[in-house]
Amino acid sequence: MLNIALPKGRLGEKVYGMFARAGFECPAVLENSRKLIFENEAAQVRYFWVKPSDVAIYVERGAADVGVAGKDILLEYRPDVYELLDLNIGKCRMAVAAPEGFEDRPDRTLRVATKFSRIARDFYTARGRDIDIIHLNGSIEIAPILGLSDVIVDIVETGTTLRENHLEVIETIVPISARLIANKSGFKFKTEAIERLTGALEKGGERE
């Protein structure tokens, strides 16, 4: 049985659709119930829904053999997992945004508000830029408006929220999309099943 961690929400539903088309269907997943775990013995799969940011933890710790996590999570938390495939869905980008007309002054420490402290630190360290990280968990966009930070580092999809708050992207750090990941130990014991899943998902992506 292959244990698969799916991210809750719209992305997870899209991901499950890909898995089902690849031959790993489990109709119970789509039922409106309070169940947390869904099995299809014929397809030898067991699915469970978890918070998107927790998928990598379930996979790294071996509770799931495989799962789907955003590249942002993999870069920020660096879980010890195999990254097997870019699913080319959930596409967005990690970017630096600032108030319209912002000018960076290199002689000053740059104040950066973000949920993604490691990504931001790595990005600016590579440039030798002195920064002050302000780690926030809520709405990042408000930080520069209230003068808490100079810029923000955050995920940008359409940019609508930024524009509505008179912010603009000044740099893209890295493109983001959903990735298929696997537990390293589980991969050794279930290599054939995981490779079959990966190959089927790859072919499915080529058809789309």
N, C-alpha and C. Protein backbone atom coordinates (compact mmCIF):
# COMPACT_ATOMS: atom_id res chain seq x y z
N MET A 1 0.85 -1.20 0.00
CA MET A 1 0.00 0.00 0.00
C MET A 1 0.89 1.25 0.00
N LEU A 2 0.62 2.17 -0.93
CA LEU A 2 1.38 3.41 -1.02
C LEU A 2 0.63 4.49 -0.23
N ASN A 3 1.29 5.06 0.77
CA ASN A 3 0.67 6.11 1.59
C ASN A 3 0.98 7.47 0.99
N ILE A 4 -0.07 8.22 0.66
CA ILE A 4 0.09 9.48 -0.07
C ILE A 4 -0.52 10.64 0.72
N ALA A 5 0.29 11.66 1.01
CA ALA A 5 -0.19 12.86 1.70
C ALA A 5 -0.58 13.91 0.67
N LEU A 6 -1.84 14.32 0.73
CA LEU A 6 -2.35 15.35 -0.19
C LEU A 6 -2.54 16.67 0.55
N PRO A 7 -2.17 17.80 -0.08
CA PRO A 7 -2.42 19.09 0.56
C PRO A 7 -3.89 19.46 0.49
N LYS A 8 -4.46 19.87 1.61
CA LYS A 8 -5.87 20.26 1.63
C LYS A 8 -6.10 21.46 0.72
N GLY A 9 -7.32 21.57 0.19
CA GLY A 9 -7.68 22.75 -0.60
C GLY A 9 -7.73 22.48 -2.09
N ARG A 10 -7.84 23.59 -2.85
CA ARG A 10 -8.00 23.48 -4.30
C ARG A 10 -6.83 22.77 -4.97
N LEU A 11 -5.61 23.09 -4.50
CA LEU A 11 -4.43 22.45 -5.10
C LEU A 11 -4.49 20.94 -4.90
N GLY A 12 -4.87 20.52 -3.70
CA GLY A 12 -4.94 19.09 -3.40
C GLY A 12 -5.96 18.37 -4.28
N GLU A 13 -7.09 19.03 -4.53
CA GLU A 13 -8.11 18.43 -5.40
C GLU A 13 -7.57 18.27 -6.82
N LYS A 14 -6.82 19.26 -7.25
CA LYS A 14 -6.22 19.21 -8.59
C LYS A 14 -5.18 18.08 -8.65
N VAL A 15 -4.40 17.98 -7.58
CA VAL A 15 -3.37 16.93 -7.48
C VAL A 15 -4.02 15.55 -7.51
N TYR A 16 -5.09 15.39 -6.70
CA TYR A 16 -5.77 14.09 -6.69
C TYR A 16 -6.28 13.74 -8.09
N GLY A 17 -6.80 14.72 -8.82
CA GLY A 17 -7.26 14.49 -10.20
C GLY A 17 -6.14 13.94 -11.07
N MET A 18 -4.93 14.46 -10.89
CA MET A 18 -3.78 13.96 -11.64
C MET A 18 -3.47 12.51 -11.27
N PHE A 19 -3.52 12.21 -9.97
CA PHE A 19 -3.24 10.86 -9.50
C PHE A 19 -4.29 9.88 -10.04
N ALA A 20 -5.54 10.31 -10.01
CA ALA A 20 -6.63 9.44 -10.48
C ALA A 20 -6.46 9.15 -11.97
N ARG A 21 -6.16 10.18 -12.75
CA ARG A 21 -5.97 9.98 -14.21
C ARG A 21 -4.76 9.10 -14.49
N ALA A 22 -3.80 9.09 -13.55
CA ALA A 22 -2.60 8.27 -13.72
C ALA A 22 -2.84 6.81 -13.32
N GLY A 23 -4.08 6.51 -12.86
CA GLY A 23 -4.40 5.12 -12.53
C GLY A 23 -4.37 4.82 -11.04
N PHE A 24 -4.30 5.88 -10.22
CA PHE A 24 -4.24 5.68 -8.76
C PHE A 24 -5.47 6.31 -8.11
N GLU A 25 -6.63 5.94 -8.66
CA GLU A 25 -7.87 6.55 -8.17
C GLU A 25 -8.31 5.94 -6.84
N CYS A 26 -9.07 6.74 -6.10
CA CYS A 26 -9.68 6.30 -4.84
C CYS A 26 -10.93 7.17 -4.67
N PRO A 27 -12.06 6.75 -5.27
CA PRO A 27 -13.27 7.57 -5.30
C PRO A 27 -13.72 8.13 -3.96
N ALA A 28 -13.42 7.41 -2.88
CA ALA A 28 -13.85 7.86 -1.54
C ALA A 28 -13.25 9.22 -1.17
N VAL A 29 -12.11 9.57 -1.78
CA VAL A 29 -11.46 10.85 -1.50
C VAL A 29 -12.41 12.01 -1.77
N LEU A 30 -13.24 11.87 -2.79
CA LEU A 30 -14.12 12.95 -3.20
C LEU A 30 -15.47 12.98 -2.47
N GLU A 31 -15.69 12.00 -1.61
CA GLU A 31 -16.95 11.97 -0.85
C GLU A 31 -16.95 13.07 0.20
N ASN A 32 -18.11 13.64 0.43
CA ASN A 32 -18.26 14.70 1.42
C ASN A 32 -18.42 14.06 2.81
N SER A 33 -17.30 13.76 3.45
CA SER A 33 -17.36 13.10 4.76
C SER A 33 -16.27 13.67 5.66
N ARG A 34 -16.30 13.26 6.91
CA ARG A 34 -15.30 13.73 7.87
C ARG A 34 -14.11 12.76 7.98
N LYS A 35 -14.12 11.76 7.15
CA LYS A 35 -13.01 10.79 7.16
C LYS A 35 -11.70 11.49 6.82
N LEU A 36 -10.64 10.98 7.38
CA LEU A 36 -9.31 11.58 7.15
C LEU A 36 -8.43 10.70 6.27
N ILE A 37 -8.74 9.41 6.25
CA ILE A 37 -7.91 8.45 5.48
C ILE A 37 -8.80 7.68 4.51
N PHE A 38 -8.34 7.53 3.28
CA PHE A 38 -9.12 6.87 2.23
C PHE A 38 -8.26 5.82 1.55
N GLU A 39 -8.81 4.61 1.40
CA GLU A 39 -8.02 3.52 0.81
C GLU A 39 -8.71 2.94 -0.42
N ASN A 40 -7.89 2.46 -1.34
CA ASN A 40 -8.38 1.66 -2.46
C ASN A 40 -7.44 0.47 -2.58
N GLU A 41 -7.86 -0.66 -2.04
CA GLU A 41 -6.98 -1.83 -2.02
C GLU A 41 -6.63 -2.31 -3.41
N ALA A 42 -7.58 -2.18 -4.35
CA ALA A 42 -7.33 -2.63 -5.72
C ALA A 42 -6.18 -1.84 -6.35
N ALA A 43 -6.15 -0.52 -6.09
CA ALA A 43 -5.09 0.33 -6.64
C ALA A 43 -3.88 0.40 -5.72
N GLN A 44 -4.00 -0.23 -4.53
CA GLN A 44 -2.92 -0.26 -3.53
C GLN A 44 -2.46 1.14 -3.11
N VAL A 45 -3.45 2.02 -2.85
CA VAL A 45 -3.14 3.38 -2.40
C VAL A 45 -3.95 3.74 -1.16
N ARG A 46 -3.34 4.55 -0.32
CA ARG A 46 -4.03 5.10 0.87
C ARG A 46 -3.73 6.61 0.86
N TYR A 47 -4.78 7.41 0.77
CA TYR A 47 -4.63 8.86 0.74
C TYR A 47 -5.03 9.47 2.08
N PHE A 48 -4.40 10.59 2.44
CA PHE A 48 -4.91 11.38 3.55
C PHE A 48 -4.62 12.86 3.30
N TRP A 49 -5.57 13.70 3.77
CA TRP A 49 -5.45 15.15 3.60
C TRP A 49 -4.71 15.75 4.78
N VAL A 50 -3.77 16.64 4.51
CA VAL A 50 -3.09 17.37 5.59
C VAL A 50 -2.89 18.83 5.16
N LYS A 51 -2.60 19.66 6.12
CA LYS A 51 -2.32 21.07 5.85
C LYS A 51 -1.14 21.14 4.89
N PRO A 52 -1.21 21.99 3.84
CA PRO A 52 -0.13 22.03 2.83
C PRO A 52 1.28 22.16 3.42
N SER A 53 1.44 23.00 4.44
CA SER A 53 2.77 23.18 5.02
C SER A 53 3.24 21.98 5.83
N ASP A 54 2.33 21.02 6.11
CA ASP A 54 2.69 19.83 6.89
C ASP A 54 3.04 18.61 6.02
N VAL A 55 2.73 18.68 4.73
CA VAL A 55 2.96 17.52 3.85
C VAL A 55 4.40 17.03 3.95
N ALA A 56 5.35 17.96 3.85
CA ALA A 56 6.76 17.57 3.86
C ALA A 56 7.16 16.90 5.17
N ILE A 57 6.53 17.29 6.28
CA ILE A 57 6.83 16.68 7.58
C ILE A 57 6.36 15.23 7.60
N TYR A 58 5.13 14.99 7.11
CA TYR A 58 4.60 13.63 7.05
C TYR A 58 5.49 12.73 6.18
N VAL A 59 5.97 13.28 5.08
CA VAL A 59 6.82 12.50 4.18
C VAL A 59 8.20 12.28 4.79
N GLU A 60 8.80 13.34 5.31
CA GLU A 60 10.14 13.22 5.89
C GLU A 60 10.17 12.22 7.04
N ARG A 61 9.10 12.21 7.86
CA ARG A 61 9.04 11.35 9.04
C ARG A 61 8.55 9.94 8.72
N GLY A 62 8.14 9.70 7.47
CA GLY A 62 7.76 8.35 7.06
C GLY A 62 6.30 7.98 7.26
N ALA A 63 5.47 8.94 7.73
CA ALA A 63 4.05 8.65 7.87
C ALA A 63 3.41 8.53 6.48
N ALA A 64 4.03 9.19 5.50
CA ALA A 64 3.61 9.09 4.10
C ALA A 64 4.82 8.66 3.27
N ASP A 65 4.57 7.82 2.27
CA ASP A 65 5.67 7.43 1.37
C ASP A 65 5.96 8.54 0.38
N VAL A 66 4.88 9.14 -0.12
CA VAL A 66 5.01 10.26 -1.06
C VAL A 66 4.00 11.34 -0.69
N GLY A 67 4.20 12.53 -1.24
CA GLY A 67 3.27 13.63 -1.02
C GLY A 67 3.53 14.72 -2.03
N VAL A 68 2.72 15.75 -1.96
CA VAL A 68 2.88 16.88 -2.89
C VAL A 68 3.02 18.16 -2.08
N ALA A 69 4.14 18.85 -2.28
CA ALA A 69 4.42 20.08 -1.54
C ALA A 69 4.90 21.16 -2.50
N GLY A 70 4.63 22.40 -2.14
CA GLY A 70 5.10 23.53 -2.96
C GLY A 70 6.61 23.68 -2.84
N LYS A 71 7.22 24.16 -3.89
CA LYS A 71 8.68 24.39 -3.88
C LYS A 71 9.05 25.39 -2.79
N ASP A 72 8.14 26.31 -2.45
CA ASP A 72 8.41 27.28 -1.39
C ASP A 72 8.65 26.58 -0.05
N ILE A 73 7.85 25.55 0.23
CA ILE A 73 8.00 24.79 1.48
C ILE A 73 9.34 24.06 1.49
N LEU A 74 9.70 23.48 0.35
CA LEU A 74 10.96 22.73 0.26
C LEU A 74 12.17 23.63 0.43
N LEU A 75 12.09 24.84 -0.11
CA LEU A 75 13.20 25.78 0.01
C LEU A 75 13.30 26.37 1.42
N GLU A 76 12.15 26.61 2.02
CA GLU A 76 12.14 27.26 3.34
C GLU A 76 12.52 26.29 4.46
N TYR A 77 11.97 25.08 4.43
CA TYR A 77 12.18 24.14 5.54
C TYR A 77 13.23 23.06 5.24
N ARG A 78 13.59 22.92 3.98
CA ARG A 78 14.62 21.96 3.56
C ARG A 78 14.44 20.57 4.18
N PRO A 79 13.28 19.95 4.01
CA PRO A 79 13.08 18.60 4.55
C PRO A 79 14.00 17.61 3.85
N ASP A 80 14.38 16.55 4.56
CA ASP A 80 15.27 15.54 4.01
C ASP A 80 14.44 14.51 3.24
N VAL A 81 14.06 14.89 2.02
CA VAL A 81 13.20 14.04 1.18
C VAL A 81 13.76 14.04 -0.25
N TYR A 82 13.28 13.11 -1.06
CA TYR A 82 13.61 13.13 -2.48
C TYR A 82 12.58 13.98 -3.21
N GLU A 83 13.04 14.88 -4.04
CA GLU A 83 12.13 15.64 -4.91
C GLU A 83 12.12 14.93 -6.26
N LEU A 84 10.98 14.32 -6.59
CA LEU A 84 10.92 13.43 -7.75
C LEU A 84 10.44 14.09 -9.04
N LEU A 85 9.49 15.02 -8.91
CA LEU A 85 8.85 15.52 -10.13
C LEU A 85 8.21 16.89 -9.91
N ASP A 86 8.39 17.77 -10.91
CA ASP A 86 7.66 19.04 -10.93
C ASP A 86 6.33 18.78 -11.61
N LEU A 87 5.23 18.94 -10.86
CA LEU A 87 3.91 18.64 -11.41
C LEU A 87 3.35 19.75 -12.29
N ASN A 88 4.05 20.89 -12.31
CA ASN A 88 3.66 22.02 -13.17
C ASN A 88 2.25 22.53 -12.89
N ILE A 89 1.83 22.43 -11.63
CA ILE A 89 0.56 23.05 -11.22
C ILE A 89 0.84 23.88 -9.96
N GLY A 90 -0.13 24.72 -9.59
CA GLY A 90 0.08 25.61 -8.45
C GLY A 90 1.19 26.59 -8.73
N LYS A 91 1.30 27.01 -9.98
CA LYS A 91 2.42 27.88 -10.36
C LYS A 91 2.25 29.32 -9.84
N CYS A 92 3.32 29.83 -9.28
CA CYS A 92 3.37 31.21 -8.82
C CYS A 92 4.86 31.56 -8.72
N ARG A 93 5.19 32.57 -7.95
CA ARG A 93 6.62 32.91 -7.80
C ARG A 93 6.87 33.53 -6.44
N MET A 94 8.08 33.34 -5.95
CA MET A 94 8.52 34.00 -4.73
C MET A 94 9.16 35.30 -5.19
N ALA A 95 8.70 36.42 -4.62
CA ALA A 95 9.16 37.71 -5.13
C ALA A 95 9.39 38.71 -4.01
N VAL A 96 10.16 39.74 -4.35
CA VAL A 96 10.34 40.90 -3.47
C VAL A 96 9.38 41.97 -3.97
N ALA A 97 8.59 42.52 -3.06
CA ALA A 97 7.66 43.60 -3.43
C ALA A 97 7.88 44.78 -2.51
N ALA A 98 7.58 45.97 -3.03
CA ALA A 98 7.80 47.20 -2.26
C ALA A 98 6.75 48.23 -2.65
N PRO A 99 6.61 49.29 -1.86
CA PRO A 99 5.68 50.36 -2.25
C PRO A 99 6.09 50.95 -3.60
N GLU A 100 5.11 51.39 -4.36
CA GLU A 100 5.37 51.98 -5.68
C GLU A 100 6.39 53.10 -5.54
N GLY A 101 7.38 53.09 -6.44
CA GLY A 101 8.40 54.15 -6.44
C GLY A 101 9.50 53.95 -5.41
N PHE A 102 9.53 52.78 -4.76
CA PHE A 102 10.55 52.52 -3.74
C PHE A 102 11.95 52.52 -4.34
N GLU A 103 12.90 53.14 -3.64
CA GLU A 103 14.31 53.12 -4.04
C GLU A 103 15.14 52.56 -2.91
N ASP A 104 15.89 51.50 -3.19
CA ASP A 104 16.73 50.88 -2.17
C ASP A 104 17.97 51.73 -1.93
N ARG A 105 18.29 51.93 -0.65
CA ARG A 105 19.51 52.67 -0.31
C ARG A 105 20.50 51.70 0.32
N PRO A 106 21.56 51.33 -0.42
CA PRO A 106 22.51 50.32 0.06
C PRO A 106 23.23 50.68 1.36
N ASP A 107 23.24 51.96 1.71
CA ASP A 107 23.93 52.37 2.94
C ASP A 107 23.09 52.07 4.18
N ARG A 108 21.82 51.69 3.98
CA ARG A 108 20.93 51.38 5.10
C ARG A 108 20.64 49.89 5.17
N THR A 109 20.42 49.38 6.38
CA THR A 109 19.96 48.00 6.53
C THR A 109 18.55 47.91 5.97
N LEU A 110 18.33 46.93 5.09
CA LEU A 110 17.02 46.76 4.47
C LEU A 110 16.12 45.94 5.38
N ARG A 111 14.95 46.47 5.72
CA ARG A 111 14.01 45.75 6.58
C ARG A 111 13.07 44.93 5.69
N VAL A 112 13.09 43.62 5.92
CA VAL A 112 12.35 42.68 5.07
C VAL A 112 11.31 41.92 5.90
N ALA A 113 10.03 42.11 5.58
CA ALA A 113 8.96 41.36 6.26
C ALA A 113 8.61 40.14 5.42
N THR A 114 8.47 38.98 6.08
CA THR A 114 8.22 37.75 5.32
C THR A 114 7.80 36.60 6.21
N LYS A 115 7.12 35.62 5.61
CA LYS A 115 6.88 34.33 6.27
C LYS A 115 8.03 33.38 5.95
N PHE A 116 8.81 33.75 4.93
CA PHE A 116 9.84 32.86 4.38
C PHE A 116 11.23 33.40 4.72
N SER A 117 11.57 33.33 6.00
CA SER A 117 12.81 33.94 6.49
C SER A 117 14.06 33.35 5.85
N ARG A 118 14.10 32.03 5.70
CA ARG A 118 15.30 31.39 5.15
C ARG A 118 15.49 31.77 3.67
N ILE A 119 14.40 31.73 2.91
CA ILE A 119 14.49 32.09 1.48
C ILE A 119 14.97 33.53 1.33
N ALA A 120 14.39 34.43 2.14
CA ALA A 120 14.78 35.84 2.07
C ALA A 120 16.24 36.02 2.47
N ARG A 121 16.63 35.35 3.55
CA ARG A 121 18.02 35.50 4.03
C ARG A 121 19.01 34.96 2.99
N ASP A 122 18.72 33.79 2.43
CA ASP A 122 19.61 33.21 1.41
C ASP A 122 19.74 34.13 0.20
N PHE A 123 18.61 34.70 -0.21
CA PHE A 123 18.59 35.58 -1.39
C PHE A 123 19.47 36.81 -1.18
N TYR A 124 19.32 37.46 -0.04
CA TYR A 124 20.08 38.69 0.20
C TYR A 124 21.51 38.41 0.63
N THR A 125 21.76 37.29 1.30
CA THR A 125 23.13 36.94 1.68
C THR A 125 23.98 36.72 0.43
N ALA A 126 23.38 36.08 -0.58
CA ALA A 126 24.10 35.84 -1.84
C ALA A 126 24.50 37.15 -2.51
N ARG A 127 23.80 38.23 -2.17
CA ARG A 127 24.10 39.54 -2.75
C ARG A 127 24.96 40.41 -1.83
N GLY A 128 25.22 39.88 -0.64
CA GLY A 128 26.01 40.64 0.31
C GLY A 128 25.24 41.83 0.88
N ARG A 129 23.91 41.74 0.86
CA ARG A 129 23.07 42.86 1.32
C ARG A 129 22.75 42.69 2.81
N ASP A 130 22.95 43.76 3.58
CA ASP A 130 22.66 43.75 5.01
C ASP A 130 21.15 43.92 5.21
N ILE A 131 20.51 42.92 5.87
CA ILE A 131 19.05 43.00 6.05
C ILE A 131 18.64 42.73 7.49
N ASP A 132 17.43 43.17 7.81
CA ASP A 132 16.80 42.89 9.10
C ASP A 132 15.52 42.13 8.77
N ILE A 133 15.49 40.84 9.13
CA ILE A 133 14.31 40.01 8.84
C ILE A 133 13.24 40.23 9.91
N ILE A 134 12.04 40.53 9.46
CA ILE A 134 10.89 40.66 10.36
C ILE A 134 9.94 39.52 10.00
N HIS A 135 9.94 38.48 10.83
CA HIS A 135 9.13 37.30 10.51
C HIS A 135 7.68 37.52 10.93
N LEU A 136 6.77 37.43 9.96
CA LEU A 136 5.34 37.60 10.21
C LEU A 136 4.59 36.37 9.73
N ASN A 137 3.45 36.11 10.31
CA ASN A 137 2.63 34.97 9.90
C ASN A 137 1.33 35.37 9.22
N GLY A 138 0.95 36.63 9.40
CA GLY A 138 -0.32 37.08 8.82
C GLY A 138 -0.14 37.78 7.49
N SER A 139 -0.96 38.80 7.25
CA SER A 139 -0.92 39.54 5.99
C SER A 139 0.38 40.35 5.91
N ILE A 140 1.26 39.91 5.04
CA ILE A 140 2.58 40.54 4.92
C ILE A 140 2.46 41.93 4.27
N GLU A 141 1.49 42.08 3.38
CA GLU A 141 1.39 43.32 2.58
C GLU A 141 1.26 44.59 3.41
N ILE A 142 0.72 44.44 4.62
CA ILE A 142 0.48 45.63 5.44
C ILE A 142 1.77 46.19 6.04
N ALA A 143 2.81 45.36 6.14
CA ALA A 143 4.05 45.77 6.83
C ALA A 143 4.69 47.04 6.24
N PRO A 144 4.93 47.12 4.92
CA PRO A 144 5.53 48.35 4.40
C PRO A 144 4.57 49.55 4.43
N ILE A 145 3.28 49.27 4.35
CA ILE A 145 2.29 50.35 4.38
C ILE A 145 2.34 51.06 5.73
N LEU A 146 2.53 50.29 6.81
CA LEU A 146 2.58 50.86 8.16
C LEU A 146 3.99 51.25 8.58
N GLY A 147 4.97 51.09 7.67
CA GLY A 147 6.34 51.47 7.97
C GLY A 147 7.10 50.46 8.81
N LEU A 148 6.54 49.25 8.96
CA LEU A 148 7.24 48.22 9.72
C LEU A 148 8.43 47.68 8.93
N SER A 149 8.30 47.61 7.60
CA SER A 149 9.39 47.10 6.75
C SER A 149 9.54 47.98 5.51
N ASP A 150 10.67 47.79 4.84
CA ASP A 150 10.88 48.50 3.56
C ASP A 150 10.28 47.70 2.41
N VAL A 151 10.51 46.37 2.46
CA VAL A 151 10.02 45.49 1.40
C VAL A 151 9.43 44.23 2.03
N ILE A 152 8.79 43.41 1.20
CA ILE A 152 8.31 42.11 1.65
C ILE A 152 8.84 41.04 0.71
N VAL A 153 8.96 39.83 1.21
CA VAL A 153 9.26 38.66 0.39
C VAL A 153 8.09 37.70 0.58
N ASP A 154 7.39 37.43 -0.51
CA ASP A 154 6.17 36.62 -0.38
C ASP A 154 5.86 35.92 -1.71
N ILE A 155 4.89 35.01 -1.64
CA ILE A 155 4.42 34.33 -2.85
C ILE A 155 3.49 35.27 -3.60
N VAL A 156 3.70 35.39 -4.90
CA VAL A 156 2.85 36.23 -5.74
C VAL A 156 2.23 35.35 -6.82
N GLU A 157 0.89 35.40 -6.89
CA GLU A 157 0.19 34.64 -7.93
C GLU A 157 -0.21 35.58 -9.05
N THR A 158 -1.20 36.40 -8.79
CA THR A 158 -1.67 37.33 -9.83
C THR A 158 -1.16 38.75 -9.61
N GLY A 159 -0.79 39.07 -8.38
CA GLY A 159 -0.32 40.42 -8.07
C GLY A 159 -1.46 41.39 -7.72
N THR A 160 -2.69 40.89 -7.73
CA THR A 160 -3.85 41.76 -7.47
C THR A 160 -3.79 42.39 -6.08
N THR A 161 -3.50 41.59 -5.05
CA THR A 161 -3.44 42.11 -3.68
C THR A 161 -2.37 43.18 -3.56
N LEU A 162 -1.25 42.97 -4.23
CA LEU A 162 -0.18 43.97 -4.19
C LEU A 162 -0.66 45.28 -4.80
N ARG A 163 -1.25 45.19 -5.99
CA ARG A 163 -1.70 46.41 -6.68
C ARG A 163 -2.75 47.17 -5.87
N GLU A 164 -3.65 46.41 -5.23
CA GLU A 164 -4.71 47.05 -4.44
C GLU A 164 -4.13 47.79 -3.23
N ASN A 165 -2.92 47.41 -2.83
CA ASN A 165 -2.26 48.06 -1.69
C ASN A 165 -1.08 48.93 -2.13
N HIS A 166 -1.07 49.28 -3.42
CA HIS A 166 -0.04 50.18 -3.99
C HIS A 166 1.38 49.64 -3.78
N LEU A 167 1.49 48.31 -3.93
CA LEU A 167 2.80 47.66 -3.89
C LEU A 167 3.07 47.07 -5.27
N GLU A 168 4.36 46.83 -5.57
CA GLU A 168 4.71 46.23 -6.86
C GLU A 168 5.89 45.30 -6.70
N VAL A 169 5.94 44.29 -7.56
CA VAL A 169 7.07 43.35 -7.55
C VAL A 169 8.29 44.06 -8.11
N ILE A 170 9.37 44.01 -7.36
CA ILE A 170 10.61 44.63 -7.87
C ILE A 170 11.63 43.56 -8.29
N GLU A 171 11.46 42.34 -7.79
CA GLU A 171 12.35 41.24 -8.20
C GLU A 171 11.68 39.90 -7.98
N THR A 172 11.91 38.97 -8.90
CA THR A 172 11.47 37.58 -8.70
C THR A 172 12.65 36.78 -8.16
N ILE A 173 12.43 36.07 -7.06
CA ILE A 173 13.49 35.26 -6.46
C ILE A 173 13.55 33.88 -7.10
N VAL A 174 12.39 33.21 -7.19
CA VAL A 174 12.37 31.86 -7.76
C VAL A 174 10.94 31.50 -8.17
N PRO A 175 10.77 30.77 -9.29
CA PRO A 175 9.43 30.28 -9.63
C PRO A 175 9.03 29.16 -8.68
N ILE A 176 7.74 29.07 -8.39
CA ILE A 176 7.22 28.08 -7.45
C ILE A 176 6.17 27.22 -8.15
N SER A 177 6.17 25.93 -7.85
CA SER A 177 5.12 25.02 -8.34
C SER A 177 5.07 23.81 -7.41
N ALA A 178 4.06 22.97 -7.59
CA ALA A 178 3.89 21.78 -6.74
C ALA A 178 4.86 20.68 -7.17
N ARG A 179 5.48 20.03 -6.19
CA ARG A 179 6.46 18.96 -6.46
C ARG A 179 6.05 17.66 -5.79
N LEU A 180 6.29 16.56 -6.48
CA LEU A 180 6.09 15.24 -5.89
C LEU A 180 7.34 14.90 -5.10
N ILE A 181 7.17 14.58 -3.81
CA ILE A 181 8.31 14.25 -2.96
C ILE A 181 8.12 12.85 -2.37
N ALA A 182 9.24 12.23 -1.97
CA ALA A 182 9.18 10.88 -1.41
C ALA A 182 10.06 10.76 -0.18
N ASN A 183 9.63 9.90 0.74
CA ASN A 183 10.43 9.57 1.91
C ASN A 183 11.64 8.74 1.45
N LYS A 184 12.83 9.08 1.93
CA LYS A 184 14.04 8.42 1.44
C LYS A 184 14.08 6.93 1.78
N SER A 185 13.70 6.59 3.00
CA SER A 185 13.70 5.19 3.41
C SER A 185 12.59 4.43 2.68
N GLY A 186 11.40 5.04 2.62
CA GLY A 186 10.27 4.42 1.93
C GLY A 186 10.56 4.15 0.46
N PHE A 187 11.34 5.05 -0.13
CA PHE A 187 11.67 4.89 -1.55
C PHE A 187 12.47 3.60 -1.79
N LYS A 188 13.34 3.27 -0.84
CA LYS A 188 14.14 2.04 -0.98
C LYS A 188 13.27 0.80 -0.97
N PHE A 189 12.23 0.80 -0.10
CA PHE A 189 11.39 -0.38 0.05
C PHE A 189 10.25 -0.43 -0.97
N LYS A 190 9.86 0.72 -1.49
CA LYS A 190 8.73 0.76 -2.42
C LYS A 190 9.13 1.42 -3.74
N THR A 191 10.37 1.18 -4.13
CA THR A 191 10.91 1.82 -5.34
C THR A 191 10.02 1.61 -6.55
N GLU A 192 9.63 0.36 -6.78
CA GLU A 192 8.85 0.04 -7.99
C GLU A 192 7.51 0.79 -8.01
N ALA A 193 6.80 0.78 -6.88
CA ALA A 193 5.49 1.44 -6.81
C ALA A 193 5.63 2.96 -6.98
N ILE A 194 6.64 3.54 -6.33
CA ILE A 194 6.83 4.99 -6.41
C ILE A 194 7.27 5.41 -7.81
N GLU A 195 8.15 4.61 -8.42
CA GLU A 195 8.59 4.93 -9.79
C GLU A 195 7.45 4.76 -10.78
N ARG A 196 6.58 3.79 -10.52
CA ARG A 196 5.41 3.60 -11.40
C ARG A 196 4.49 4.82 -11.31
N LEU A 197 4.28 5.30 -10.09
CA LEU A 197 3.45 6.50 -9.88
C LEU A 197 4.08 7.72 -10.56
N THR A 198 5.38 7.90 -10.35
CA THR A 198 6.08 9.05 -10.93
C THR A 198 6.00 9.02 -12.45
N GLY A 199 6.24 7.85 -13.03
CA GLY A 199 6.17 7.71 -14.49
C GLY A 199 4.78 7.98 -15.04
N ALA A 200 3.76 7.48 -14.33
CA ALA A 200 2.37 7.69 -14.77
C ALA A 200 1.99 9.16 -14.69
N LEU A 201 2.46 9.85 -13.66
CA LEU A 201 2.18 11.28 -13.52
C LEU A 201 2.90 12.08 -14.60
N GLU A 202 4.12 11.66 -14.93
CA GLU A 202 4.87 12.32 -16.01
C GLU A 202 4.15 12.21 -17.34
N LYS A 203 3.67 11.01 -17.63
CA LYS A 203 2.94 10.79 -18.89
C LYS A 203 1.65 11.58 -18.91
N GLY A 204 0.98 11.64 -17.75
CA GLY A 204 -0.25 12.41 -17.65
C GLY A 204 -0.01 13.87 -17.93
N GLY A 205 1.13 14.39 -17.42
CA GLY A 205 1.49 15.79 -17.65
C GLY A 205 1.76 16.08 -19.11
N GLU A 206 2.34 15.08 -19.80
CA GLU A 206 2.62 15.26 -21.22
C GLU A 206 1.34 15.33 -22.03
N ARG A 207 0.29 14.61 -21.56
CA ARG A 207 -0.99 14.60 -22.29
C ARG A 207 -1.74 15.91 -22.16
N GLU A 208 -1.55 16.60 -20.99
CA GLU A 208 -2.33 17.80 -20.73
C GLU A 208 -1.91 18.97 -21.61
